[in-house]
Amino acid sequence: MAKTIDRTLPIKRYKKVVATVDLPGVPEGTAGKVRVANGVTWYRYWVDFDNGVRLGQVGHQQVCLATDWDAYRIDRAEAGRRAAEAPEESFDDGEADGGSGAAGNQFGVPEHLLERSKAARERLGA
């Protein structure tokens, strides 16, 4: 069984990372080193990449540890495969009245609120 990697933990300074997406001047897969790591709920980093580009405010989702790069690519491919196989969700419930759903219309607004709005417009003469 494959080892599960927790990618929610922040990356520490001086760790080797790899860009998981194309960044300005940095193609995906480029290695680098974290120089500054900051953030409490939104982790972001200053990274010196091997191609000579230094970027600040690189988001946590845009890099992964160099040791996790192969596993990251496998997980990303697997997630894409699962998404392609999953049935697509639709807002249309397949009803004959145009997909009105349980709320009586396609937007999910309860019928009593629609009636209340209609009565108010009639009262005001609009």
N, C-alpha and C. Protein backbone atom coordinates (compact mmCIF):
# COMPACT_ATOMS: atom_id res chain seq x y z
N MET A 1 0.84 -1.18 0.00
CA MET A 1 0.00 0.00 0.00
C MET A 1 0.88 1.24 0.00
N ALA A 2 0.50 2.22 -0.78
CA ALA A 2 1.29 3.44 -0.91
C ALA A 2 1.17 4.30 0.34
N LYS A 3 2.22 5.02 0.62
CA LYS A 3 2.25 5.92 1.77
C LYS A 3 1.44 7.17 1.45
N THR A 4 0.57 7.56 2.37
CA THR A 4 -0.23 8.76 2.19
C THR A 4 0.57 9.97 2.62
N ILE A 5 0.57 11.00 1.79
CA ILE A 5 1.34 12.20 2.07
C ILE A 5 0.38 13.31 2.46
N ASP A 6 0.66 13.95 3.59
CA ASP A 6 -0.18 15.06 4.06
C ASP A 6 0.36 16.35 3.47
N ARG A 7 -0.34 16.90 2.48
CA ARG A 7 0.10 18.12 1.82
C ARG A 7 -0.51 19.38 2.43
N THR A 8 -1.20 19.25 3.56
CA THR A 8 -1.80 20.41 4.20
C THR A 8 -0.83 21.10 5.16
N LEU A 9 0.23 20.41 5.55
CA LEU A 9 1.18 21.01 6.48
C LEU A 9 2.05 22.03 5.75
N PRO A 10 2.41 23.12 6.43
CA PRO A 10 3.25 24.13 5.78
C PRO A 10 4.65 23.59 5.50
N ILE A 11 5.28 24.15 4.50
CA ILE A 11 6.65 23.78 4.13
C ILE A 11 7.61 24.70 4.87
N LYS A 12 8.64 24.14 5.43
CA LYS A 12 9.59 24.93 6.22
C LYS A 12 10.65 25.56 5.34
N ARG A 13 11.34 26.57 5.90
CA ARG A 13 12.43 27.24 5.19
C ARG A 13 13.53 26.28 4.81
N TYR A 14 14.18 26.59 3.70
CA TYR A 14 15.33 25.85 3.17
C TYR A 14 14.98 24.46 2.65
N LYS A 15 13.69 24.12 2.56
CA LYS A 15 13.29 22.84 1.99
C LYS A 15 13.28 22.95 0.47
N LYS A 16 13.62 21.86 -0.19
CA LYS A 16 13.57 21.79 -1.65
C LYS A 16 12.12 21.56 -2.08
N VAL A 17 11.66 22.36 -3.05
CA VAL A 17 10.30 22.25 -3.55
C VAL A 17 10.31 22.17 -5.08
N VAL A 18 9.15 21.84 -5.64
CA VAL A 18 8.97 21.77 -7.09
C VAL A 18 7.68 22.51 -7.42
N ALA A 19 7.70 23.31 -8.48
CA ALA A 19 6.50 24.04 -8.92
C ALA A 19 5.51 23.04 -9.51
N THR A 20 4.28 23.04 -9.01
CA THR A 20 3.25 22.11 -9.49
C THR A 20 2.41 22.70 -10.61
N VAL A 21 2.55 23.98 -10.86
CA VAL A 21 1.85 24.67 -11.95
C VAL A 21 2.83 25.62 -12.62
N ASP A 22 2.48 26.09 -13.80
CA ASP A 22 3.31 27.10 -14.46
C ASP A 22 3.17 28.42 -13.71
N LEU A 23 4.30 28.98 -13.31
CA LEU A 23 4.34 30.27 -12.64
C LEU A 23 5.05 31.25 -13.56
N PRO A 24 4.94 32.56 -13.32
CA PRO A 24 5.63 33.53 -14.18
C PRO A 24 7.13 33.27 -14.24
N GLY A 25 7.62 32.85 -15.39
CA GLY A 25 9.03 32.58 -15.58
C GLY A 25 9.49 31.23 -15.07
N VAL A 26 8.55 30.44 -14.54
CA VAL A 26 8.91 29.14 -13.97
C VAL A 26 7.95 28.08 -14.51
N PRO A 27 8.44 27.18 -15.36
CA PRO A 27 7.56 26.11 -15.85
C PRO A 27 7.30 25.06 -14.77
N GLU A 28 6.22 24.34 -14.94
CA GLU A 28 5.88 23.27 -14.01
C GLU A 28 7.01 22.25 -13.96
N GLY A 29 7.31 21.77 -12.75
CA GLY A 29 8.37 20.78 -12.59
C GLY A 29 9.72 21.36 -12.25
N THR A 30 9.83 22.69 -12.19
CA THR A 30 11.11 23.32 -11.87
C THR A 30 11.35 23.25 -10.36
N ALA A 31 12.54 22.82 -9.99
CA ALA A 31 12.89 22.71 -8.58
C ALA A 31 13.33 24.07 -8.04
N GLY A 32 13.26 24.21 -6.73
CA GLY A 32 13.69 25.44 -6.07
C GLY A 32 13.85 25.21 -4.59
N LYS A 33 14.20 26.30 -3.89
CA LYS A 33 14.39 26.23 -2.45
C LYS A 33 13.60 27.35 -1.78
N VAL A 34 12.87 27.00 -0.72
CA VAL A 34 12.08 27.98 0.03
C VAL A 34 13.02 28.85 0.84
N ARG A 35 12.91 30.17 0.66
CA ARG A 35 13.73 31.11 1.43
C ARG A 35 12.95 31.69 2.60
N VAL A 36 11.68 32.00 2.38
CA VAL A 36 10.83 32.55 3.43
C VAL A 36 9.51 31.81 3.39
N ALA A 37 9.02 31.38 4.54
CA ALA A 37 7.71 30.74 4.65
C ALA A 37 6.89 31.55 5.64
N ASN A 38 5.70 31.96 5.23
CA ASN A 38 4.85 32.73 6.14
C ASN A 38 3.39 32.40 5.90
N GLY A 39 2.56 32.85 6.81
CA GLY A 39 1.14 32.63 6.70
C GLY A 39 0.61 31.82 7.87
N VAL A 40 -0.64 32.08 8.21
CA VAL A 40 -1.30 31.35 9.29
C VAL A 40 -2.36 30.43 8.70
N THR A 41 -3.28 31.00 7.93
CA THR A 41 -4.31 30.19 7.30
C THR A 41 -4.05 30.04 5.81
N TRP A 42 -3.27 30.93 5.23
CA TRP A 42 -2.91 30.88 3.82
C TRP A 42 -1.39 30.85 3.77
N TYR A 43 -0.83 29.68 3.54
CA TYR A 43 0.62 29.54 3.51
C TYR A 43 1.15 30.02 2.17
N ARG A 44 2.22 30.82 2.22
CA ARG A 44 2.86 31.33 1.02
C ARG A 44 4.36 31.40 1.25
N TYR A 45 5.08 31.40 0.15
CA TYR A 45 6.53 31.23 0.24
C TYR A 45 7.25 32.15 -0.72
N TRP A 46 8.50 32.49 -0.37
CA TRP A 46 9.45 33.11 -1.29
C TRP A 46 10.36 31.97 -1.72
N VAL A 47 10.44 31.74 -3.02
CA VAL A 47 11.16 30.57 -3.52
C VAL A 47 12.21 31.02 -4.54
N ASP A 48 13.44 30.50 -4.39
CA ASP A 48 14.50 30.67 -5.39
C ASP A 48 14.49 29.41 -6.25
N PHE A 49 14.06 29.56 -7.50
CA PHE A 49 13.99 28.41 -8.40
C PHE A 49 15.33 28.19 -9.08
N ASP A 50 15.58 26.97 -9.53
CA ASP A 50 16.86 26.59 -10.13
C ASP A 50 17.13 27.29 -11.46
N ASN A 51 16.09 27.82 -12.12
CA ASN A 51 16.31 28.51 -13.39
C ASN A 51 16.65 29.99 -13.18
N GLY A 52 16.91 30.40 -11.94
CA GLY A 52 17.35 31.76 -11.65
C GLY A 52 16.23 32.73 -11.29
N VAL A 53 15.00 32.28 -11.32
CA VAL A 53 13.86 33.15 -11.01
C VAL A 53 13.59 33.07 -9.51
N ARG A 54 13.38 34.24 -8.90
CA ARG A 54 13.02 34.33 -7.49
C ARG A 54 11.61 34.89 -7.41
N LEU A 55 10.70 34.12 -6.83
CA LEU A 55 9.30 34.54 -6.73
C LEU A 55 8.88 34.65 -5.28
N GLY A 56 8.11 35.68 -4.99
CA GLY A 56 7.51 35.84 -3.67
C GLY A 56 6.02 35.59 -3.76
N GLN A 57 5.42 35.28 -2.64
CA GLN A 57 3.98 35.04 -2.55
C GLN A 57 3.54 33.85 -3.41
N VAL A 58 4.34 32.80 -3.43
CA VAL A 58 3.96 31.57 -4.11
C VAL A 58 3.06 30.80 -3.16
N GLY A 59 1.87 30.46 -3.62
CA GLY A 59 0.89 29.79 -2.77
C GLY A 59 1.27 28.34 -2.47
N HIS A 60 0.74 27.84 -1.39
CA HIS A 60 1.02 26.48 -0.94
C HIS A 60 0.58 25.44 -1.98
N GLN A 61 -0.49 25.71 -2.71
CA GLN A 61 -0.99 24.77 -3.71
C GLN A 61 -0.15 24.81 -4.99
N GLN A 62 0.75 25.76 -5.10
CA GLN A 62 1.56 25.91 -6.32
C GLN A 62 2.91 25.21 -6.23
N VAL A 63 3.25 24.69 -5.06
CA VAL A 63 4.52 23.97 -4.89
C VAL A 63 4.27 22.73 -4.03
N CYS A 64 5.17 21.78 -4.15
CA CYS A 64 5.16 20.62 -3.26
C CYS A 64 6.62 20.28 -2.94
N LEU A 65 6.82 19.51 -1.91
CA LEU A 65 8.17 19.10 -1.56
C LEU A 65 8.77 18.28 -2.70
N ALA A 66 10.05 18.44 -2.92
CA ALA A 66 10.72 17.73 -4.01
C ALA A 66 10.62 16.22 -3.81
N THR A 67 10.64 15.77 -2.56
CA THR A 67 10.54 14.34 -2.29
C THR A 67 9.16 13.79 -2.60
N ASP A 68 8.14 14.66 -2.63
CA ASP A 68 6.76 14.25 -2.90
C ASP A 68 6.34 14.46 -4.35
N TRP A 69 7.23 14.94 -5.20
CA TRP A 69 6.87 15.32 -6.57
C TRP A 69 6.30 14.16 -7.37
N ASP A 70 6.93 13.00 -7.32
CA ASP A 70 6.44 11.85 -8.07
C ASP A 70 5.06 11.41 -7.57
N ALA A 71 4.89 11.35 -6.26
CA ALA A 71 3.60 10.96 -5.69
C ALA A 71 2.54 12.00 -6.01
N TYR A 72 2.92 13.28 -6.03
CA TYR A 72 1.97 14.35 -6.36
C TYR A 72 1.44 14.17 -7.79
N ARG A 73 2.34 13.89 -8.74
CA ARG A 73 1.91 13.71 -10.13
C ARG A 73 1.00 12.49 -10.28
N ILE A 74 1.30 11.42 -9.57
CA ILE A 74 0.45 10.23 -9.62
C ILE A 74 -0.92 10.54 -9.03
N ASP A 75 -0.96 11.22 -7.88
CA ASP A 75 -2.24 11.58 -7.24
C ASP A 75 -3.06 12.50 -8.13
N ARG A 76 -2.39 13.45 -8.79
CA ARG A 76 -3.11 14.39 -9.67
C ARG A 76 -3.70 13.65 -10.87
N ALA A 77 -2.95 12.73 -11.45
CA ALA A 77 -3.45 11.95 -12.58
C ALA A 77 -4.62 11.07 -12.14
N GLU A 78 -4.51 10.48 -10.97
CA GLU A 78 -5.59 9.63 -10.44
C GLU A 78 -6.85 10.45 -10.18
N ALA A 79 -6.69 11.65 -9.63
CA ALA A 79 -7.85 12.51 -9.38
C ALA A 79 -8.52 12.93 -10.69
N GLY A 80 -7.72 13.20 -11.72
CA GLY A 80 -8.28 13.54 -13.02
C GLY A 80 -9.02 12.37 -13.64
N ARG A 81 -8.48 11.16 -13.46
CA ARG A 81 -9.14 9.96 -13.99
C ARG A 81 -10.47 9.73 -13.28
N ARG A 82 -10.48 9.90 -11.94
CA ARG A 82 -11.73 9.72 -11.19
C ARG A 82 -12.76 10.76 -11.57
N ALA A 83 -12.32 11.99 -11.80
CA ALA A 83 -13.26 13.06 -12.18
C ALA A 83 -13.86 12.78 -13.55
N ALA A 84 -13.07 12.21 -14.45
CA ALA A 84 -13.58 11.90 -15.79
C ALA A 84 -14.56 10.74 -15.76
N GLU A 85 -14.37 9.81 -14.84
CA GLU A 85 -15.25 8.65 -14.74
C GLU A 85 -16.52 8.95 -13.96
N ALA A 86 -16.49 9.93 -13.09
CA ALA A 86 -17.65 10.23 -12.24
C ALA A 86 -18.79 10.79 -13.08
N PRO A 87 -20.03 10.43 -12.73
CA PRO A 87 -21.16 11.00 -13.47
C PRO A 87 -21.25 12.50 -13.19
N GLU A 88 -21.55 13.24 -14.23
CA GLU A 88 -21.64 14.69 -14.07
C GLU A 88 -22.93 15.06 -13.35
N GLU A 89 -22.81 15.99 -12.41
CA GLU A 89 -23.99 16.45 -11.70
C GLU A 89 -24.71 17.48 -12.55
N SER A 90 -26.00 17.45 -12.47
CA SER A 90 -26.81 18.35 -13.27
C SER A 90 -27.79 19.07 -12.38
N PHE A 91 -28.09 20.31 -12.73
CA PHE A 91 -29.08 21.06 -11.97
C PHE A 91 -30.48 20.65 -12.39
N ASP A 92 -30.61 20.01 -13.53
CA ASP A 92 -31.90 19.58 -14.04
C ASP A 92 -32.26 18.24 -13.40
N ASP A 93 -33.41 18.18 -12.74
CA ASP A 93 -33.85 16.95 -12.11
C ASP A 93 -34.54 16.01 -13.09
N GLY A 94 -34.66 16.43 -14.34
CA GLY A 94 -35.26 15.58 -15.34
C GLY A 94 -36.78 15.60 -15.32
N GLU A 95 -37.37 16.59 -14.67
CA GLU A 95 -38.82 16.66 -14.62
C GLU A 95 -39.35 17.29 -15.90
N ALA A 96 -40.60 17.00 -16.22
CA ALA A 96 -41.21 17.48 -17.46
C ALA A 96 -41.48 18.98 -17.44
N ASP A 97 -41.53 19.59 -16.27
CA ASP A 97 -41.86 21.01 -16.20
C ASP A 97 -40.62 21.90 -16.30
N GLY A 98 -39.53 21.37 -16.82
CA GLY A 98 -38.34 22.20 -17.02
C GLY A 98 -37.36 22.14 -15.88
N GLY A 99 -37.38 21.07 -15.10
CA GLY A 99 -36.40 20.92 -14.03
C GLY A 99 -36.71 21.79 -12.84
N SER A 100 -37.96 21.85 -12.46
CA SER A 100 -38.34 22.73 -11.36
C SER A 100 -37.85 22.24 -10.02
N GLY A 101 -37.57 20.95 -9.87
CA GLY A 101 -37.00 20.42 -8.64
C GLY A 101 -37.98 20.45 -7.50
N ALA A 102 -37.49 20.22 -6.29
CA ALA A 102 -38.35 20.13 -5.12
C ALA A 102 -38.88 21.48 -4.69
N ALA A 103 -38.20 22.57 -5.02
CA ALA A 103 -38.61 23.89 -4.57
C ALA A 103 -39.63 24.52 -5.51
N GLY A 104 -39.91 23.92 -6.65
CA GLY A 104 -40.92 24.47 -7.54
C GLY A 104 -40.34 25.28 -8.67
N ASN A 105 -39.03 25.51 -8.70
CA ASN A 105 -38.40 26.23 -9.81
C ASN A 105 -36.95 25.81 -9.92
N GLN A 106 -36.31 26.23 -10.99
CA GLN A 106 -34.93 25.80 -11.23
C GLN A 106 -33.91 26.48 -10.32
N PHE A 107 -34.30 27.54 -9.61
CA PHE A 107 -33.35 28.27 -8.77
C PHE A 107 -33.41 27.84 -7.31
N GLY A 108 -34.35 26.97 -6.96
CA GLY A 108 -34.44 26.48 -5.59
C GLY A 108 -35.15 27.42 -4.64
N VAL A 109 -35.85 28.43 -5.14
CA VAL A 109 -36.59 29.35 -4.28
C VAL A 109 -37.92 28.69 -3.91
N PRO A 110 -38.26 28.64 -2.62
CA PRO A 110 -39.53 28.03 -2.22
C PRO A 110 -40.73 28.74 -2.85
N GLU A 111 -41.74 27.96 -3.17
CA GLU A 111 -42.91 28.47 -3.86
C GLU A 111 -43.63 29.55 -3.05
N HIS A 112 -43.71 29.43 -1.73
CA HIS A 112 -44.42 30.43 -0.92
C HIS A 112 -43.73 31.79 -1.00
N LEU A 113 -42.42 31.82 -1.16
CA LEU A 113 -41.73 33.10 -1.30
C LEU A 113 -42.01 33.74 -2.66
N LEU A 114 -42.12 32.92 -3.68
CA LEU A 114 -42.47 33.45 -5.00
C LEU A 114 -43.88 34.05 -4.99
N GLU A 115 -44.80 33.36 -4.33
CA GLU A 115 -46.17 33.87 -4.22
C GLU A 115 -46.21 35.17 -3.43
N ARG A 116 -45.43 35.24 -2.36
CA ARG A 116 -45.38 36.46 -1.54
C ARG A 116 -44.85 37.64 -2.36
N SER A 117 -43.82 37.40 -3.17
CA SER A 117 -43.27 38.46 -4.01
C SER A 117 -44.28 38.91 -5.08
N LYS A 118 -44.95 37.94 -5.65
CA LYS A 118 -45.96 38.26 -6.66
C LYS A 118 -47.08 39.11 -6.07
N ALA A 119 -47.54 38.76 -4.87
CA ALA A 119 -48.61 39.51 -4.20
C ALA A 119 -48.14 40.93 -3.87
N ALA A 120 -46.89 41.10 -3.44
CA ALA A 120 -46.36 42.42 -3.12
C ALA A 120 -46.27 43.30 -4.36
N ARG A 121 -45.83 42.73 -5.48
CA ARG A 121 -45.76 43.50 -6.72
C ARG A 121 -47.15 43.94 -7.16
N GLU A 122 -48.15 43.06 -7.02
CA GLU A 122 -49.52 43.43 -7.40
C GLU A 122 -50.05 44.52 -6.49
N ARG A 123 -49.73 44.45 -5.19
CA ARG A 123 -50.17 45.47 -4.24
C ARG A 123 -49.60 46.84 -4.57
N LEU A 124 -48.36 46.86 -4.99
CA LEU A 124 -47.69 48.13 -5.31
C LEU A 124 -47.97 48.61 -6.72
N GLY A 125 -48.61 47.76 -7.52
CA GLY A 125 -48.96 48.15 -8.87
C GLY A 125 -47.78 48.06 -9.82
N ALA A 126 -46.81 47.27 -9.48
CA ALA A 126 -45.63 47.14 -10.35
C ALA A 126 -45.81 46.02 -11.34
